[in-house]
Each structure stands twice: as structure tokens, then as C-alpha cells.
Protein backbone atom coordinates (compact mmCIF):
# COMPACT_ATOMS: atom_id res chain seq x y z
CA MET A 1 -92.35 204.54 -252.37
CA HIS A 2 -93.44 201.04 -251.55
CA GLU A 3 -95.00 199.41 -254.00
CA LEU A 4 -99.00 199.51 -253.80
CA ILE A 5 -99.24 202.19 -251.41
CA ASN A 6 -101.52 204.51 -252.58
CA THR A 7 -100.57 207.78 -251.58
CA GLU A 8 -103.79 209.39 -252.82
CA LYS A 9 -106.24 207.56 -251.14
CA SER A 10 -108.70 209.25 -248.16
CA TYR A 11 -109.06 208.30 -245.10
CA LYS A 12 -112.00 208.47 -242.46
CA GLN A 13 -112.07 210.16 -239.22
CA GLY A 14 -111.40 206.97 -236.87
CA VAL A 15 -108.81 204.10 -235.97
CA SER A 16 -107.40 201.40 -237.50
CA ILE A 17 -105.64 198.48 -235.23
CA ILE A 18 -103.56 196.65 -236.87
CA ILE A 19 -102.17 193.38 -235.25
CA CYS A 20 -99.36 191.35 -237.10
CA PHE A 21 -99.02 188.09 -236.02
CA TYR A 22 -96.65 185.37 -236.75
CA ASN A 23 -97.65 181.67 -235.45
CA ALA A 24 -99.59 183.51 -232.66
CA GLY A 25 -101.99 180.23 -231.45
CA GLU A 26 -103.83 180.54 -228.42
CA ARG A 27 -101.85 183.43 -227.45
CA ILE A 28 -103.70 186.06 -229.66
CA VAL A 29 -107.11 184.73 -227.93
CA ASN A 30 -107.11 187.13 -225.06
CA THR A 31 -105.39 190.11 -227.25
CA LEU A 32 -109.13 189.92 -229.51
CA LYS A 33 -111.01 189.78 -226.07
CA TYR A 34 -109.79 193.11 -225.52
CA ILE A 35 -110.09 194.26 -228.91
CA GLN A 36 -113.59 193.26 -228.89
CA ALA A 37 -114.31 195.06 -225.45
CA GLN A 38 -112.84 198.24 -226.48
CA ARG A 39 -115.68 201.51 -225.33
CA ASP A 40 -117.43 203.70 -227.61
CA ARG A 41 -116.31 201.87 -230.81
CA THR A 42 -118.41 201.47 -233.91
CA ASN A 43 -118.42 200.59 -237.74
CA GLU A 44 -118.45 204.08 -238.03
CA ASN A 45 -115.00 204.96 -236.20
CA THR A 46 -112.97 201.64 -236.17
CA GLU A 47 -111.71 198.66 -237.81
CA LEU A 48 -109.31 195.60 -237.25
CA VAL A 49 -106.53 194.61 -239.46
CA LEU A 50 -104.86 191.24 -238.87
CA VAL A 51 -101.66 190.66 -240.86
CA ASN A 52 -100.87 186.95 -241.27
CA ASN A 53 -97.05 187.27 -241.57
CA ALA A 54 -96.34 183.80 -243.13
CA SER A 55 -97.58 181.61 -239.95
CA THR A 56 -97.49 177.93 -240.22
CA ASP A 57 -99.54 176.84 -237.54
CA GLY A 58 -103.47 177.38 -237.20
CA SER A 59 -103.49 180.99 -236.15
CA GLU A 60 -105.60 182.26 -238.71
CA ALA A 61 -108.60 179.58 -237.88
CA ILE A 62 -108.27 180.36 -234.11
CA ILE A 63 -108.63 184.38 -235.19
CA GLN A 64 -111.79 183.55 -237.03
CA GLN A 65 -113.53 181.12 -234.61
CA GLU A 66 -112.86 184.00 -231.78
CA LEU A 67 -114.25 186.66 -233.85
CA GLU A 68 -117.00 185.06 -235.31
CA GLY A 69 -120.34 187.10 -234.86
CA PHE A 70 -118.28 189.73 -233.73
CA ASP A 71 -119.97 192.87 -235.67
CA VAL A 72 -119.08 196.03 -233.42
CA PHE A 73 -116.87 197.04 -235.92
CA SER A 74 -115.27 195.31 -239.07
CA TRP A 75 -112.51 193.22 -239.07
CA LYS A 76 -110.45 191.26 -241.80
CA ILE A 77 -107.27 188.91 -242.38
CA VAL A 78 -104.68 189.90 -244.96
CA HIS A 79 -101.30 188.23 -245.80
CA GLU A 80 -97.71 189.24 -246.00
CA SER A 81 -95.59 186.35 -247.28
CA LYS A 82 -92.07 188.11 -246.59
CA PRO A 83 -91.07 187.66 -243.17
CA GLY A 84 -90.20 190.34 -240.69
CA LEU A 85 -92.62 192.75 -238.24
CA ALA A 86 -91.68 195.92 -240.84
CA ASN A 87 -93.02 194.04 -243.75
CA ALA A 88 -96.24 193.41 -241.68
CA ARG A 89 -96.98 196.59 -240.85
CA ILE A 90 -96.29 197.94 -244.36
CA CYS A 91 -98.70 195.36 -245.25
CA GLY A 92 -101.34 196.57 -242.89
CA LEU A 93 -100.85 200.11 -243.90
CA LYS A 94 -102.06 199.00 -247.57
CA HIS A 95 -105.41 198.14 -245.85
CA VAL A 96 -106.58 200.45 -243.34
CA SER A 97 -109.34 203.03 -243.81
CA TYR A 98 -108.96 205.38 -241.01
CA ASP A 99 -106.69 208.18 -240.33
CA LEU A 100 -105.34 207.01 -237.20
CA ILE A 101 -103.43 203.88 -236.80
CA VAL A 102 -102.84 201.67 -233.51
CA TYR A 103 -100.36 198.73 -233.71
CA CYS A 104 -101.03 196.27 -231.42
CA ASP A 105 -98.82 193.47 -231.00
CA ASP A 106 -100.44 189.85 -230.87
CA ASP A 107 -99.75 189.83 -226.68
CA ASN A 108 -100.86 193.12 -225.58
CA TRP A 109 -104.07 193.42 -223.92
CA LEU A 110 -105.39 197.19 -224.65
CA SER A 111 -107.38 199.05 -221.56
CA GLU A 112 -110.92 199.17 -222.84
CA THR A 113 -110.87 202.96 -223.18
CA TYR A 114 -106.99 202.62 -225.14
CA LEU A 115 -108.75 203.73 -228.68
CA SER A 116 -110.93 206.44 -227.66
CA GLN A 117 -108.33 207.82 -225.40
CA ALA A 118 -105.65 207.68 -227.81
CA GLU A 119 -107.70 209.12 -230.81
CA GLU A 120 -109.03 211.83 -228.44
CA ILE A 121 -105.35 212.71 -227.41
CA MET A 122 -104.36 212.56 -231.25
CA ARG A 123 -107.15 215.11 -232.16
CA ASN A 124 -106.53 217.81 -229.69
CA ASP A 125 -103.00 218.01 -230.65
CA THR A 126 -102.67 218.18 -234.00
CA GLU A 127 -98.69 218.53 -233.89
CA VAL A 128 -98.19 214.80 -232.28
CA GLY A 129 -97.24 212.36 -235.00
CA ILE A 130 -96.61 209.48 -232.75
CA LEU A 131 -98.18 208.74 -229.21
CA GLY A 132 -96.91 205.91 -227.15
CA GLY A 133 -98.40 204.35 -224.06
CA LYS A 134 -97.52 202.63 -220.95
CA GLY A 135 -97.01 198.59 -221.07
CA THR A 136 -97.31 196.62 -217.71
CA ALA A 137 -96.28 192.72 -217.74
CA ILE A 138 -98.40 190.17 -216.92
CA SER A 139 -97.55 186.10 -216.91
CA SER A 140 -98.78 182.98 -216.12
CA MET A 141 -95.73 182.97 -213.42
CA GLU A 142 -94.35 185.20 -210.95
CA LEU A 143 -91.75 187.76 -212.82
CA PRO A 144 -88.55 187.14 -211.93
CA ASN A 145 -86.58 189.30 -209.85
CA TRP A 146 -84.17 190.44 -212.75
CA PHE A 147 -87.12 191.62 -215.11
CA GLU A 148 -87.82 195.05 -213.67
CA SER A 149 -83.93 196.29 -214.36
CA VAL A 150 -84.68 194.97 -217.60
CA GLN A 151 -88.29 195.52 -218.64
CA GLY A 152 -87.71 198.08 -221.49
CA TYR A 153 -86.40 195.04 -223.56
CA TYR A 154 -89.81 193.51 -223.36
CA ALA A 155 -91.81 196.96 -224.27
CA VAL A 156 -93.20 197.54 -220.62
CA GLY A 157 -92.44 200.00 -218.12
CA PRO A 158 -92.40 203.80 -218.16
CA GLN A 159 -91.34 205.58 -221.49
CA MET A 160 -90.51 208.90 -219.76
CA PRO A 161 -90.31 209.71 -216.32
CA LYS A 162 -93.87 211.67 -216.98
CA SER A 163 -96.21 211.97 -219.56
CA GLY A 164 -95.15 214.90 -222.34
CA ARG A 165 -92.83 215.26 -225.44
CA VAL A 166 -90.40 212.42 -225.74
CA ILE A 167 -87.24 213.99 -225.70
CA GLY A 168 -83.59 212.83 -224.56
CA GLU A 169 -80.91 210.77 -226.08
CA ARG A 170 -83.20 208.10 -227.09
CA ASN A 171 -85.89 210.10 -228.50
CA VAL A 172 -88.44 206.77 -229.52
CA VAL A 173 -91.35 205.09 -228.10
CA TYR A 174 -91.73 201.41 -228.43
CA GLY A 175 -94.00 199.79 -231.22
CA ALA A 176 -96.52 198.17 -228.77
CA GLY A 177 -99.22 199.84 -228.70
CA MET A 178 -98.11 203.01 -230.92
CA VAL A 179 -100.55 205.15 -232.16
CA ILE A 180 -99.56 206.94 -235.46
CA ARG A 181 -101.43 209.41 -237.94
CA THR A 182 -101.75 207.26 -241.45
CA LYS A 183 -100.63 210.32 -243.10
CA VAL A 184 -97.45 210.52 -241.21
CA MET A 185 -96.62 206.82 -242.61
CA ILE A 186 -97.71 207.37 -246.23
CA ALA A 187 -95.58 210.44 -246.17
CA LEU A 188 -92.94 208.48 -245.19
CA PHE A 189 -92.89 206.36 -248.00
CA LYS A 190 -93.69 209.06 -250.32
CA ARG A 191 -90.50 210.68 -249.65
CA GLY A 192 -88.65 207.26 -250.14
CA PHE A 193 -88.24 206.04 -246.38
CA CYS A 194 -87.76 202.30 -246.07
CA PHE A 195 -87.01 200.09 -243.09
CA GLN A 196 -83.44 198.71 -242.79
CA SER A 197 -84.37 196.79 -239.90
CA LEU A 198 -86.94 194.48 -240.35
CA GLY A 199 -87.79 193.72 -236.57
CA ARG A 200 -88.75 190.13 -235.38
CA THR A 201 -88.90 187.71 -238.36
CA GLY A 202 -89.70 184.19 -237.39
CA SER A 203 -87.78 182.94 -234.61
CA SER A 204 -85.16 185.93 -235.14
CA LEU A 205 -85.51 188.55 -232.22
CA SER A 206 -83.84 191.62 -234.15
CA ALA A 207 -85.43 195.11 -233.62
CA GLY A 208 -84.49 198.49 -234.71
CA GLU A 209 -87.54 199.37 -236.85
CA ASP A 210 -89.42 201.23 -234.62
CA SER A 211 -86.43 203.39 -233.75
CA GLU A 212 -86.10 204.13 -237.25
CA LEU A 213 -89.74 205.14 -237.75
CA CYS A 214 -89.80 207.32 -234.47
CA LEU A 215 -86.69 209.01 -235.71
CA ALA A 216 -87.66 209.61 -239.27
CA VAL A 217 -90.98 211.07 -238.09
CA GLN A 218 -89.36 213.52 -235.97
CA ILE A 219 -87.01 214.47 -238.80
CA MET A 220 -90.14 215.48 -240.71
CA GLY A 221 -91.23 217.98 -237.93
CA TRP A 222 -93.46 215.82 -235.99
CA LYS A 223 -93.76 215.61 -232.08
CA ILE A 224 -93.60 211.88 -230.53
CA ILE A 225 -96.00 212.31 -227.12
CA TYR A 226 -95.84 209.51 -224.18
CA GLU A 227 -99.29 209.30 -222.09
CA GLU A 228 -98.78 207.01 -218.91
CA THR A 229 -102.07 206.88 -218.44
CA LEU A 230 -102.85 205.18 -221.77
CA GLN A 231 -102.20 201.93 -220.60
CA PHE A 232 -101.97 198.29 -221.82
CA GLU A 233 -100.92 194.78 -220.73
CA HIS A 234 -98.11 192.94 -222.33
CA PHE A 235 -98.59 189.34 -221.54
CA ILE A 236 -95.39 187.68 -221.46
CA THR A 237 -95.05 183.78 -221.63
CA ALA A 238 -93.26 181.52 -219.35
CA ASN A 239 -90.37 180.63 -221.72
CA ARG A 240 -89.80 184.37 -222.23
CA LEU A 241 -89.16 185.02 -218.91
CA THR A 242 -85.46 182.84 -218.57
CA LYS A 243 -82.22 184.25 -218.69
CA GLU A 244 -81.39 182.68 -222.02
CA TYR A 245 -84.38 183.90 -223.59
CA PHE A 246 -83.59 187.43 -222.70
CA HIS A 247 -79.87 186.98 -223.58
CA ARG A 248 -81.27 186.23 -227.24
CA MET A 249 -83.39 188.93 -227.46
CA GLN A 250 -80.75 191.59 -226.04
CA ASN A 251 -78.19 190.28 -228.51
CA GLY A 252 -80.92 190.48 -231.34
CA MET A 253 -81.28 194.05 -230.30
CA ASP A 254 -77.85 194.52 -230.35
CA LYS A 255 -77.16 193.04 -233.68
CA SER A 256 -79.53 195.14 -235.17
CA GLY A 257 -80.36 199.00 -235.23
CA PHE A 258 -76.63 200.04 -236.45
CA TYR A 259 -78.20 202.18 -239.42
CA VAL A 260 -80.42 203.76 -236.77
CA LYS A 261 -77.24 205.53 -235.83
CA PHE A 262 -77.38 207.45 -238.83
CA TYR A 263 -80.98 208.60 -238.24
CA ARG A 264 -80.23 209.98 -234.82
CA ASP A 265 -77.26 211.71 -236.04
CA TYR A 266 -78.98 213.53 -238.51
CA PHE A 267 -82.27 214.60 -235.89
CA PHE A 268 -79.39 215.56 -233.58
CA GLY A 269 -77.46 217.57 -236.16
CA LYS A 270 -74.36 215.36 -235.92
CA SER A 271 -74.72 213.71 -239.54
CA LEU A 272 -72.02 213.41 -242.28
CA LEU A 273 -72.83 215.79 -245.37
CA VAL A 274 -71.14 213.60 -247.60
CA ILE A 275 -69.65 209.93 -247.29
CA PRO A 276 -66.42 209.82 -247.65
CA SER A 277 -64.52 207.31 -250.09
CA ASN A 278 -63.89 203.69 -248.57
CA PHE A 279 -66.50 204.82 -245.61
CA TRP A 280 -66.86 201.11 -244.87
CA VAL A 281 -63.20 200.37 -244.76
CA LYS A 282 -62.72 203.31 -242.20
CA GLU A 283 -65.78 202.08 -240.02
CA PHE A 284 -64.60 198.57 -239.93
CA LEU A 285 -61.32 199.53 -239.08
CA TYR A 286 -62.50 202.02 -236.18
CA SER A 287 -64.91 198.76 -234.82
CA VAL A 288 -62.06 196.31 -234.87
CA PHE A 289 -59.67 199.13 -233.19
CA PHE A 290 -62.53 199.21 -230.56
CA LEU A 291 -63.01 195.73 -230.07
CA PHE A 292 -59.26 195.11 -229.58
CA LYS A 293 -59.21 197.97 -227.26
CA SER A 294 -61.90 196.20 -224.90
CA PHE A 295 -59.80 192.96 -225.04
CA PHE A 296 -62.81 191.56 -227.11
CA LYS A 297 -65.13 191.65 -224.03
CA SER A 298 -67.44 194.71 -225.85
CA LYS A 299 -70.30 192.85 -227.41
CA ASN A 300 -71.55 196.00 -228.97
CA ASP A 301 -68.29 196.16 -230.99
CA PHE A 302 -68.12 192.67 -231.72
CA TYR A 303 -71.59 192.56 -233.28
CA ARG A 304 -70.71 195.91 -235.18
CA VAL A 305 -67.55 194.25 -236.71
CA LEU A 306 -69.85 191.44 -237.79
CA PHE A 307 -72.67 193.61 -238.91
CA LEU A 308 -70.15 195.33 -241.17
CA VAL A 309 -68.61 192.20 -242.53
CA ARG A 310 -72.23 190.91 -243.54
CA GLU A 311 -73.33 194.53 -245.04
CA ARG A 312 -69.85 195.35 -246.51
CA SER A 313 -71.29 195.11 -250.23
CA LYS A 314 -74.27 197.68 -249.60
CA TYR A 315 -72.95 199.46 -246.27
CA ASP A 316 -72.10 202.78 -247.97
CA SER A 317 -74.91 202.59 -250.49
CA ASN A 318 -77.46 202.18 -248.00
CA VAL A 319 -75.90 205.04 -245.33
CA LYS A 320 -76.24 207.50 -248.41
CA GLN A 321 -79.59 206.17 -248.77
CA ILE A 322 -80.73 206.92 -245.47
CA LEU A 323 -79.09 210.42 -245.45
CA ALA A 324 -80.69 211.28 -248.72
CA VAL A 325 -83.90 210.13 -247.45
CA CYS A 326 -83.66 211.95 -244.22
CA ALA A 327 -82.90 215.10 -246.18
CA LYS A 328 -86.18 214.81 -248.14
CA LEU A 329 -87.81 214.28 -244.77
CA ASN A 330 -86.74 217.48 -243.55
CA GLY A 331 -89.48 219.72 -242.44
CA PHE A 332 -91.78 217.64 -244.74
CA LYS A 333 -94.56 218.00 -242.15
CA ALA A 334 -95.81 221.17 -243.56
CA LEU A 335 -96.65 219.58 -246.93
CA THR A 336 -98.61 216.56 -245.11
CA ASP A 337 -100.45 219.06 -243.13
CA GLU A 338 -102.02 220.06 -246.32
CA LYS A 339 -104.17 217.01 -246.94
CA PRO A 340 -106.22 214.99 -244.67
């Protein structure tokens, strides 16, 4: 279990908003304005937890200035020195008081009824572990003509053809605007879950932690729901709307998340029961073979080879840990239902 997570803590009925930020600067100002504009929220059902993930600029001072005098509901800034979005989200979890969590990125502008609507959905269906909304891209510049075809990389656009249970090969929702039950997060770590992917780390554009989380929650037996009327705007700065930035982000996502495959295989019943000896060697040779077969044109195979080289000393043990945790999580929902 992750250190300092109190598994015996009781949580009040309400919503904790967690915003993790790294050098957010002026970007976070409008995000906070939309948080302050949330309707039907009070100190009795809402709080805002801001996680400073090793920022080196004046983000914290900007936040304090923006929230000065705001007392509709409580807010606080906490600190996580370990870089990585996953680490920051865990830090936020340690400081929440309510039984529902909304993960809001520092450039997400939640609709004014986002919290109330999300809470209503989660209260009405106690089988839902995670709820995802629909993000819409906005920017100070016109969106390029290639953007719509790749908008999923930016965590915007429809996540399913229509509202309802998230199913299919992907089987996840993006972390922006994600709503999750606090007890589900606690149960994950209580059963030994840990993120293999750290997510965005400083200038690194890696990913995969949202997929790990979603798949682990489903292995426990919880549903994931997408609601297209639960909406937010994702403000995308001009420098992120270049082909060069997109390819960096795409490569970052391709380079991370290779461990996610084992969660997905377990969920779909295709997991290895026992890791064979020399598993890394077999995986490495397999990947090299397919890289040669593609005449070195497959970026995924190329990144997988690099990943395996980097992870060679711990790959087998990490895979074994993932499968062991999946086995512990399998059907654990019944136990989490016993406590609020």
C-alpha cells in the first residue's frame, strides 16, 4: 500500500476537486474561475485540493491571489516533490475529505453544473466506479485542420458513440474531468496497486496511468460510465497545436503504457497465468523480430524494443507484480461495498 494513505479514514458525502499543477502560470487562472462558478456547491459538500507538483515558477502565488477571499467552499494547496502526474494524484488523494473525487487538469474549464451533475450520476448508480465526461477543445487560435482526427490525444471529443457504459477494446476514459469514488482509489492501493506509468513528468509527455487506473477499477468489478452531457472545455495553448508538439505527445504515449497491456489482457481473460523463465528475453526477441519484419517502419515496435532494453532488469518482476495485483483486485468490489 502507498505510504501515508489512511485506509481507515471516513469520508463525508460530497466532492473533492483535485487539480495537479506543474508550472501552470497564468494558464490556471481561468480554470479556477470556472471552479469558483460551480453552482449549488457549499462548504458542506465541496472542497478544492491543489497539488503543487514541484513547480519552479510562480504558480502557487498566482493561485493564492486568484482564490483570495473565495469562501464558498474550502481550498488548500499541498505539495508533491516527486515529479509525475500519478504521484501528484496520489498526493491529492491523501488530503481529500469527501467520498467522490473529480480530477480536473489545470487547463480544464468545468461547466457550471459539472460537480452537481457528476455527483447526481454517481449517487444514482452505485455500480459506477469511474465517470468520464466530454471535453471540447478551445484555443486562442483557430484549431488546425488536422486536429479533429487526433483530438483523443488531447483528451477531448466523444469517448464513446453515446452515453453509457464504456466497453470495447479500449475500455478506458481519459483522466481529464474523471470522477472516481474515493473508496475505490483507497481499495486499489490497499490491494497493492501501484502506477507503472507516471504520466506527465515535467516536460515529458508520457501517459498510460489513466488506462492502468481504469482497467484496475474494472477488474475489481466496477463499471465505467461515459456521459456526453457532462462537459468541460479544454484550453489548448497555441504552442501545443503544432505538428511538432503533437508528434512529441504521440511518441510519449507510444513510449509509455507498455505495462498497460497486462491489465487489459487480464481484464479480457487473456492473461498469462505464470510468467515463464527468461520472459524478458522472449519478449525482446519477439519485438526485434517484428521490428525487422516491418523494415524498421513500425514506431510501436521500435519503442517497445527501447522500452524493453530500459526495463530489462525489472521487467519480469514488474509483470509478475501486475498479475499478482490483478488477482488480488479481481472481485474485490464486494468488499469495498461494505464500507462508506
